[in-house]
Amino acid sequence: MDKTYEEIYQKISKNKLLLPAMPEVGIKILSALNHPKGNAKMFAKIIENDMALSGFIIKTSRSLRFMTRMPAKSVERAVALIGKRETYHLSLAFLSRAVFHSSNPAIKKHIKEAYRFSTKMAVMAYFLADKVPEINPSDAMLAGLFQDIGVPAILGALEEYPTILQDDKARNACIDNLAPRVGETIMKKWGFNDKLEVVRNRKNWILNNEQAGLPELILIARVHAMIGTAEFKACPPLFKIPAFHQFNLGELGPDNTLQLLIDSKQELAEMQGLLAA
């Protein structure tokens, strides 16, 4: 099977349609972020060219997390409330869901499921990062979303391997084998070298670096996102994962999940709904 996995990886690497480019709007927002005179007005001018993104940024600024007495009525005001860097991260998180397309009904279904899971993991990471001063919450959200960035490309390649695509166990095994490598390739292409360790350590439950950071936090977010899925049964208990003991994330609830995520259930659902809209 290793030979087949290598064959699939090589096909992905050589197929530009399977390796998505970074969203153009995201590149423009990054340029504004790095501009010496970059401000909310400059951000708004770029974002307003994308109606869906504009709606997302305004709605996010009105969410429980950013709520003020004077809700934003314009993109410029929303950017001012959220902050430039956070707006960039949130925009890229929103835009990256549409970088891969397939006309195959089965693949479209699996991609939709993969994006739903990634969104859940990203939002979990967003809230967990509030408890870790060294990690920016919006950066954690992006890392959570990017950990599985290679999955849609793998699913697209599996159109030529129907026996793997149609078998849940074989498909998941293929994804687990290739997702870190494909994700790494995409992250390098997009210029996110700071996220390479996040994609490399996908499901690396024994990860135990001396200095914990995004890779460890995303593992904890992943455990929580897996609750209710078939894969959760194969996941080790949270207290047996070294990464869990490297952060002060509060107490565990009655079901061995973090109490802070249980307490933030309404905000989690709201943010997940905004990203999935």
Foldseek 3Di string as FASTA:
>chain_A
DVVVLVVLLVVLVPDDQLQFAQDPLLVQLVVLVPDPPRALVSNQVSQVVPVLLFVLLQVVCCAPVQNDPDRDPGSSVSCVSCDSVLSSLLSSLLVLLPRHDDPDPLLVVVSLVLQLLLLQLLLLQLQLCVQPVVDHSSVLSSLSNLLQSNLSSSSVSCVVVVVQSVDPVSVVVSSVVCRLVSSLVSCVSHVNPVSSLLNNCVLVQADADPQDDSNLSSVLSSLVSCPPPPCNVVRDQLVVRNSSVNGCRDDADPVSHGPSCVVCVVSSVSSSVSSSD
